[in-house]
Amino acid sequence: MGRYSEAEPLYVRALAILLKQLGQEHPNTQTVIDNFATFLGKVLEAGRAEQLSDHPLTQALMKALREQNTQEQ
């Protein structure tokens, strides 16, 4: 829907809760991390990265996605 700046804080909040309550290795946490990475990939494809915050988690995942894209090319 293109509402990237609205969706990102919801992913960040959900991940913070899941990491605190379940830990990084829990399947539910991993699912949300995967979904967030997919979302960020779509943001990058759309050329809309400027709509996202400077949150460390967002920036770390985007950096990893960019590096992965570079290696695949």
PDB file of N, CA and C in Angstrom:
ATOM      1  N   MET A   1       0.805  -1.188   0.000  1.00  0.00           N
ATOM      2  CA  MET A   1       0.000   0.000   0.000  1.00  0.00           C
ATOM      3  C   MET A   1       0.857   1.265   0.000  1.00  0.00           C
ATOM      4  N   GLY A   2       2.159   1.103   0.200  1.00  0.00           N
ATOM      5  CA  GLY A   2       3.041   2.257   0.152  1.00  0.00           C
ATOM      6  C   GLY A   2       3.112   3.058   1.438  1.00  0.00           C
ATOM      7  N   ARG A   3       2.546   2.560   2.515  1.00  0.00           N
ATOM      8  CA  ARG A   3       2.555   3.283   3.789  1.00  0.00           C
ATOM      9  C   ARG A   3       3.734   2.813   4.646  1.00  0.00           C
ATOM     10  N   TYR A   4       4.914   2.921   4.076  1.00  0.00           N
ATOM     11  CA  TYR A   4       6.123   2.386   4.692  1.00  0.00           C
ATOM     12  C   TYR A   4       6.439   3.031   6.036  1.00  0.00           C
ATOM     13  N   SER A   5       6.306   4.351   6.119  1.00  0.00           N
ATOM     14  CA  SER A   5       6.648   5.041   7.350  1.00  0.00           C
ATOM     15  C   SER A   5       5.691   4.697   8.487  1.00  0.00           C
ATOM     16  N   GLU A   6       4.511   4.199   8.168  1.00  0.00           N
ATOM     17  CA  GLU A   6       3.567   3.762   9.197  1.00  0.00           C
ATOM     18  C   GLU A   6       3.822   2.317   9.614  1.00  0.00           C
ATOM     19  N   ALA A   7       4.241   1.492   8.679  1.00  0.00           N
ATOM     20  CA  ALA A   7       4.441   0.069   8.960  1.00  0.00           C
ATOM     21  C   ALA A   7       5.728  -0.196   9.735  1.00  0.00           C
ATOM     22  N   GLU A   8       6.770   0.548   9.414  1.00  0.00           N
ATOM     23  CA  GLU A   8       8.071   0.271  10.033  1.00  0.00           C
ATOM     24  C   GLU A   8       8.040   0.299  11.561  1.00  0.00           C
ATOM     25  N   PRO A   9       7.483   1.329  12.214  1.00  0.00           N
ATOM     26  CA  PRO A   9       7.497   1.323  13.683  1.00  0.00           C
ATOM     27  C   PRO A   9       6.704   0.166  14.285  1.00  0.00           C
ATOM     28  N   LEU A  10       5.719  -0.329  13.560  1.00  0.00           N
ATOM     29  CA  LEU A  10       4.963  -1.473  14.056  1.00  0.00           C
ATOM     30  C   LEU A  10       5.815  -2.740  14.046  1.00  0.00           C
ATOM     31  N   TYR A  11       6.584  -2.920  12.992  1.00  0.00           N
ATOM     32  CA  TYR A  11       7.519  -4.057  12.955  1.00  0.00           C
ATOM     33  C   TYR A  11       8.558  -3.938  14.066  1.00  0.00           C
ATOM     34  N   VAL A  12       9.118  -2.755  14.234  1.00  0.00           N
ATOM     35  CA  VAL A  12      10.152  -2.546  15.251  1.00  0.00           C
ATOM     36  C   VAL A  12       9.589  -2.837  16.642  1.00  0.00           C
ATOM     37  N   ARG A  13       8.384  -2.349  16.901  1.00  0.00           N
ATOM     38  CA  ARG A  13       7.757  -2.579  18.208  1.00  0.00           C
ATOM     39  C   ARG A  13       7.479  -4.060  18.424  1.00  0.00           C
ATOM     40  N   ALA A  14       6.928  -4.719  17.411  1.00  0.00           N
ATOM     41  CA  ALA A  14       6.635  -6.148  17.527  1.00  0.00           C
ATOM     42  C   ALA A  14       7.910  -6.941  17.790  1.00  0.00           C
ATOM     43  N   LEU A  15       8.966  -6.598  17.083  1.00  0.00           N
ATOM     44  CA  LEU A  15      10.230  -7.309  17.289  1.00  0.00           C
ATOM     45  C   LEU A  15      10.797  -7.070  18.680  1.00  0.00           C
ATOM     46  N   ALA A  16      10.705  -5.852  19.167  1.00  0.00           N
ATOM     47  CA  ALA A  16      11.202  -5.559  20.512  1.00  0.00           C
ATOM     48  C   ALA A  16      10.471  -6.412  21.551  1.00  0.00           C
ATOM     49  N   ILE A  17       9.170  -6.521  21.405  1.00  0.00           N
ATOM     50  CA  ILE A  17       8.378  -7.331  22.330  1.00  0.00           C
ATOM     51  C   ILE A  17       8.755  -8.804  22.224  1.00  0.00           C
ATOM     52  N   LEU A  18       8.818  -9.317  20.999  1.00  0.00           N
ATOM     53  CA  LEU A  18       9.141 -10.729  20.804  1.00  0.00           C
ATOM     54  C   LEU A  18      10.552 -11.067  21.280  1.00  0.00           C
ATOM     55  N   LEU A  19      11.496 -10.194  21.005  1.00  0.00           N
ATOM     56  CA  LEU A  19      12.864 -10.450  21.453  1.00  0.00           C
ATOM     57  C   LEU A  19      12.935 -10.497  22.972  1.00  0.00           C
ATOM     58  N   LYS A  20      12.225  -9.605  23.624  1.00  0.00           N
ATOM     59  CA  LYS A  20      12.237  -9.564  25.088  1.00  0.00           C
ATOM     60  C   LYS A  20      11.533 -10.775  25.690  1.00  0.00           C
ATOM     61  N   GLN A  21      10.380 -11.142  25.121  1.00  0.00           N
ATOM     62  CA  GLN A  21       9.567 -12.201  25.709  1.00  0.00           C
ATOM     63  C   GLN A  21       9.966 -13.613  25.287  1.00  0.00           C
ATOM     64  N   LEU A  22      10.383 -13.757  24.030  1.00  0.00           N
ATOM     65  CA  LEU A  22      10.632 -15.099  23.503  1.00  0.00           C
ATOM     66  C   LEU A  22      12.088 -15.365  23.130  1.00  0.00           C
ATOM     67  N   GLY A  23      12.836 -14.306  22.869  1.00  0.00           N
ATOM     68  CA  GLY A  23      14.225 -14.485  22.450  1.00  0.00           C
ATOM     69  C   GLY A  23      14.352 -14.561  20.942  1.00  0.00           C
ATOM     70  N   GLN A  24      15.572 -14.389  20.472  1.00  0.00           N
ATOM     71  CA  GLN A  24      15.824 -14.316  19.033  1.00  0.00           C
ATOM     72  C   GLN A  24      15.617 -15.634  18.311  1.00  0.00           C
ATOM     73  N   GLU A  25      15.833 -16.733  18.969  1.00  0.00           N
ATOM     74  CA  GLU A  25      15.761 -18.040  18.303  1.00  0.00           C
ATOM     75  C   GLU A  25      14.356 -18.615  18.213  1.00  0.00           C
ATOM     76  N   HIS A  26      13.394 -18.007  18.866  1.00  0.00           N
ATOM     77  CA  HIS A  26      12.028 -18.528  18.850  1.00  0.00           C
ATOM     78  C   HIS A  26      11.462 -18.425  17.431  1.00  0.00           C
ATOM     79  N   PRO A  27      10.722 -19.447  16.987  1.00  0.00           N
ATOM     80  CA  PRO A  27      10.173 -19.429  15.623  1.00  0.00           C
ATOM     81  C   PRO A  27       9.291 -18.215  15.319  1.00  0.00           C
ATOM     82  N   ASN A  28       8.513 -17.753  16.289  1.00  0.00           N
ATOM     83  CA  ASN A  28       7.666 -16.579  16.046  1.00  0.00           C
ATOM     84  C   ASN A  28       8.511 -15.326  15.826  1.00  0.00           C
ATOM     85  N   THR A  29       9.559 -15.198  16.598  1.00  0.00           N
ATOM     86  CA  THR A  29      10.463 -14.064  16.429  1.00  0.00           C
ATOM     87  C   THR A  29      11.122 -14.128  15.065  1.00  0.00           C
ATOM     88  N   GLN A  30      11.561 -15.307  14.676  1.00  0.00           N
ATOM     89  CA  GLN A  30      12.205 -15.472  13.378  1.00  0.00           C
ATOM     90  C   GLN A  30      11.244 -15.150  12.233  1.00  0.00           C
ATOM     91  N   THR A  31       9.992 -15.505  12.395  1.00  0.00           N
ATOM     92  CA  THR A  31       8.991 -15.200  11.365  1.00  0.00           C
ATOM     93  C   THR A  31       8.837 -13.701  11.192  1.00  0.00           C
ATOM     94  N   VAL A  32       8.762 -12.970  12.302  1.00  0.00           N
ATOM     95  CA  VAL A  32       8.609 -11.515  12.217  1.00  0.00           C
ATOM     96  C   VAL A  32       9.869 -10.878  11.636  1.00  0.00           C
ATOM     97  N   ILE A  33      11.036 -11.380  11.994  1.00  0.00           N
ATOM     98  CA  ILE A  33      12.280 -10.866  11.409  1.00  0.00           C
ATOM     99  C   ILE A  33      12.265 -11.082   9.898  1.00  0.00           C
ATOM    100  N   ASP A  34      11.873 -12.268   9.469  1.00  0.00           N
ATOM    101  CA  ASP A  34      11.792 -12.562   8.032  1.00  0.00           C
ATOM    102  C   ASP A  34      10.785 -11.652   7.331  1.00  0.00           C
ATOM    103  N   ASN A  35       9.630 -11.453   7.967  1.00  0.00           N
ATOM    104  CA  ASN A  35       8.617 -10.576   7.378  1.00  0.00           C
ATOM    105  C   ASN A  35       9.108  -9.132   7.303  1.00  0.00           C
ATOM    106  N   PHE A  36       9.804  -8.689   8.328  1.00  0.00           N
ATOM    107  CA  PHE A  36      10.347  -7.328   8.333  1.00  0.00           C
ATOM    108  C   PHE A  36      11.393  -7.179   7.227  1.00  0.00           C
ATOM    109  N   ALA A  37      12.240  -8.189   7.074  1.00  0.00           N
ATOM    110  CA  ALA A  37      13.247  -8.146   6.008  1.00  0.00           C
ATOM    111  C   ALA A  37      12.586  -8.114   4.632  1.00  0.00           C
ATOM    112  N   THR A  38      11.524  -8.882   4.457  1.00  0.00           N
ATOM    113  CA  THR A  38      10.784  -8.855   3.187  1.00  0.00           C
ATOM    114  C   THR A  38      10.199  -7.473   2.942  1.00  0.00           C
ATOM    115  N   PHE A  39       9.604  -6.896   3.973  1.00  0.00           N
ATOM    116  CA  PHE A  39       9.061  -5.542   3.884  1.00  0.00           C
ATOM    117  C   PHE A  39      10.149  -4.548   3.486  1.00  0.00           C
ATOM    118  N   LEU A  40      11.297  -4.621   4.151  1.00  0.00           N
ATOM    119  CA  LEU A  40      12.387  -3.697   3.839  1.00  0.00           C
ATOM    120  C   LEU A  40      12.898  -3.891   2.422  1.00  0.00           C
ATOM    121  N   GLY A  41      12.925  -5.137   1.957  1.00  0.00           N
ATOM    122  CA  GLY A  41      13.310  -5.399   0.572  1.00  0.00           C
ATOM    123  C   GLY A  41      12.377  -4.712  -0.403  1.00  0.00           C
ATOM    124  N   LYS A  42      11.087  -4.746  -0.100  1.00  0.00           N
ATOM    125  CA  LYS A  42      10.107  -4.074  -0.961  1.00  0.00           C
ATOM    126  C   LYS A  42      10.274  -2.560  -0.921  1.00  0.00           C
ATOM    127  N   VAL A  43      10.620  -2.032   0.245  1.00  0.00           N
ATOM    128  CA  VAL A  43      10.876  -0.593   0.367  1.00  0.00           C
ATOM    129  C   VAL A  43      12.067  -0.211  -0.509  1.00  0.00           C
ATOM    130  N   LEU A  44      13.123  -1.009  -0.450  1.00  0.00           N
ATOM    131  CA  LEU A  44      14.306  -0.736  -1.271  1.00  0.00           C
ATOM    132  C   LEU A  44      13.977  -0.829  -2.756  1.00  0.00           C
ATOM    133  N   GLU A  45      13.227  -1.848  -3.153  1.00  0.00           N
ATOM    134  CA  GLU A  45      12.837  -2.012  -4.561  1.00  0.00           C
ATOM    135  C   GLU A  45      12.024  -0.822  -5.054  1.00  0.00           C
ATOM    136  N   ALA A  46      11.202  -0.287  -4.165  1.00  0.00           N
ATOM    137  CA  ALA A  46      10.350   0.848  -4.527  1.00  0.00           C
ATOM    138  C   ALA A  46      11.121   2.169  -4.500  1.00  0.00           C
ATOM    139  N   GLY A  47      12.377   2.125  -4.038  1.00  0.00           N
ATOM    140  CA  GLY A  47      13.168   3.349  -3.949  1.00  0.00           C
ATOM    141  C   GLY A  47      12.638   4.323  -2.912  1.00  0.00           C
ATOM    142  N   ARG A  48      12.086   3.792  -1.828  1.00  0.00           N
ATOM    143  CA  ARG A  48      11.457   4.627  -0.815  1.00  0.00           C
ATOM    144  C   ARG A  48      12.162   4.549   0.541  1.00  0.00           C
ATOM    145  N   ALA A  49      13.415   4.166   0.574  1.00  0.00           N
ATOM    146  CA  ALA A  49      14.145   4.006   1.831  1.00  0.00           C
ATOM    147  C   ALA A  49      14.178   5.285   2.655  1.00  0.00           C
ATOM    148  N   GLU A  50      14.070   6.438   2.002  1.00  0.00           N
ATOM    149  CA  GLU A  50      14.103   7.712   2.725  1.00  0.00           C
ATOM    150  C   GLU A  50      12.894   7.883   3.634  1.00  0.00           C
ATOM    151  N   GLN A  51      11.857   7.070   3.457  1.00  0.00           N
ATOM    152  CA  GLN A  51      10.663   7.158   4.291  1.00  0.00           C
ATOM    153  C   GLN A  51      10.829   6.434   5.624  1.00  0.00           C
ATOM    154  N   LEU A  52      11.917   5.687   5.773  1.00  0.00           N
ATOM    155  CA  LEU A  52      12.127   4.918   6.985  1.00  0.00           C
ATOM    156  C   LEU A  52      12.961   5.700   8.000  1.00  0.00           C
ATOM    157  N   SER A  53      12.865   5.259   9.242  1.00  0.00           N
ATOM    158  CA  SER A  53      13.584   5.936  10.322  1.00  0.00           C
ATOM    159  C   SER A  53      15.050   5.493  10.362  1.00  0.00           C
ATOM    160  N   ASP A  54      15.771   6.099  11.279  1.00  0.00           N
ATOM    161  CA  ASP A  54      17.169   5.737  11.513  1.00  0.00           C
ATOM    162  C   ASP A  54      17.294   4.713  12.639  1.00  0.00           C
ATOM    163  N   HIS A  55      16.217   4.022  12.933  1.00  0.00           N
ATOM    164  CA  HIS A  55      16.252   3.032  14.015  1.00  0.00           C
ATOM    165  C   HIS A  55      17.358   2.021  13.719  1.00  0.00           C
ATOM    166  N   PRO A  56      18.158   1.682  14.732  1.00  0.00           N
ATOM    167  CA  PRO A  56      19.288   0.764  14.504  1.00  0.00           C
ATOM    168  C   PRO A  56      18.890  -0.584  13.902  1.00  0.00           C
ATOM    169  N   LEU A  57      17.765  -1.136  14.309  1.00  0.00           N
ATOM    170  CA  LEU A  57      17.339  -2.427  13.757  1.00  0.00           C
ATOM    171  C   LEU A  57      16.998  -2.304  12.280  1.00  0.00           C
ATOM    172  N   THR A  58      16.263  -1.266  11.943  1.00  0.00           N
ATOM    173  CA  THR A  58      15.906  -1.025  10.541  1.00  0.00           C
ATOM    174  C   THR A  58      17.158  -0.848   9.701  1.00  0.00           C
ATOM    175  N   GLN A  59      18.066  -0.027  10.177  1.00  0.00           N
ATOM    176  CA  GLN A  59      19.277   0.256   9.410  1.00  0.00           C
ATOM    177  C   GLN A  59      20.167  -0.977   9.282  1.00  0.00           C
ATOM    178  N   ALA A  60      20.248  -1.793  10.332  1.00  0.00           N
ATOM    179  CA  ALA A  60      21.072  -3.016  10.271  1.00  0.00           C
ATOM    180  C   ALA A  60      20.499  -4.006   9.257  1.00  0.00           C
ATOM    181  N   LEU A  61      19.178  -4.186   9.268  1.00  0.00           N
ATOM    182  CA  LEU A  61      18.569  -5.104   8.305  1.00  0.00           C
ATOM    183  C   LEU A  61      18.691  -4.583   6.878  1.00  0.00           C
ATOM    184  N   MET A  62      18.547  -3.278   6.706  1.00  0.00           N
ATOM    185  CA  MET A  62      18.678  -2.716   5.356  1.00  0.00           C
ATOM    186  C   MET A  62      20.108  -2.871   4.852  1.00  0.00           C
ATOM    187  N   LYS A  63      21.062  -2.685   5.728  1.00  0.00           N
ATOM    188  CA  LYS A  63      22.465  -2.864   5.336  1.00  0.00           C
ATOM    189  C   LYS A  63      22.710  -4.311   4.901  1.00  0.00           C
ATOM    190  N   ALA A  64      22.180  -5.255   5.670  1.00  0.00           N
ATOM    191  CA  ALA A  64      22.342  -6.674   5.325  1.00  0.00           C
ATOM    192  C   ALA A  64      21.678  -6.987   3.987  1.00  0.00           C
ATOM    193  N   LEU A  65      20.500  -6.421   3.746  1.00  0.00           N
ATOM    194  CA  LEU A  65      19.819  -6.648   2.467  1.00  0.00           C
ATOM    195  C   LEU A  65      20.610  -6.068   1.303  1.00  0.00           C
ATOM    196  N   ARG A  66      21.157  -4.879   1.495  1.00  0.00           N
ATOM    197  CA  ARG A  66      21.959  -4.266   0.425  1.00  0.00           C
ATOM    198  C   ARG A  66      23.198  -5.112   0.125  1.00  0.00           C
ATOM    199  N   GLU A  67      23.846  -5.601   1.177  1.00  0.00           N
ATOM    200  CA  GLU A  67      25.024  -6.443   0.992  1.00  0.00           C
ATOM    201  C   GLU A  67      24.649  -7.751   0.285  1.00  0.00           C
ATOM    202  N   GLN A  68      23.527  -8.321   0.661  1.00  0.00           N
ATOM    203  CA  GLN A  68      23.066  -9.550   0.020  1.00  0.00           C
ATOM    204  C   GLN A  68      22.776  -9.315  -1.450  1.00  0.00           C
ATOM    205  N   ASN A  69      22.136  -8.201  -1.767  1.00  0.00           N
ATOM    206  CA  ASN A  69      21.843  -7.867  -3.158  1.00  0.00           C
ATOM    207  C   ASN A  69      23.120  -7.661  -3.960  1.00  0.00           C
ATOM    208  N   THR A  70      24.121  -7.054  -3.350  1.00  0.00           N
ATOM    209  CA  THR A  70      25.398  -6.831  -4.013  1.00  0.00           C
ATOM    210  C   THR A  70      26.079  -8.153  -4.314  1.00  0.00           C
ATOM    211  N   GLN A  71      26.039  -9.087  -3.378  1.00  0.00           N
ATOM    212  CA  GLN A  71      26.677 -10.393  -3.567  1.00  0.00           C
ATOM    213  C   GLN A  71      25.963 -11.220  -4.632  1.00  0.00           C
ATOM    214  N   GLU A  72      24.652 -11.065  -4.734  1.00  0.00           N
ATOM    215  CA  GLU A  72      23.887 -11.832  -5.714  1.00  0.00           C
ATOM    216  C   GLU A  72      24.120 -11.331  -7.136  1.00  0.00           C
ATOM    217  N   GLN A  73      24.524 -10.101  -7.270  1.00  0.00           N
ATOM    218  CA  GLN A  73      24.725  -9.529  -8.607  1.00  0.00           C
ATOM    219  C   GLN A  73      26.107  -9.833  -9.042  1.00  0.00           C
TER     220      GLN A  73
END
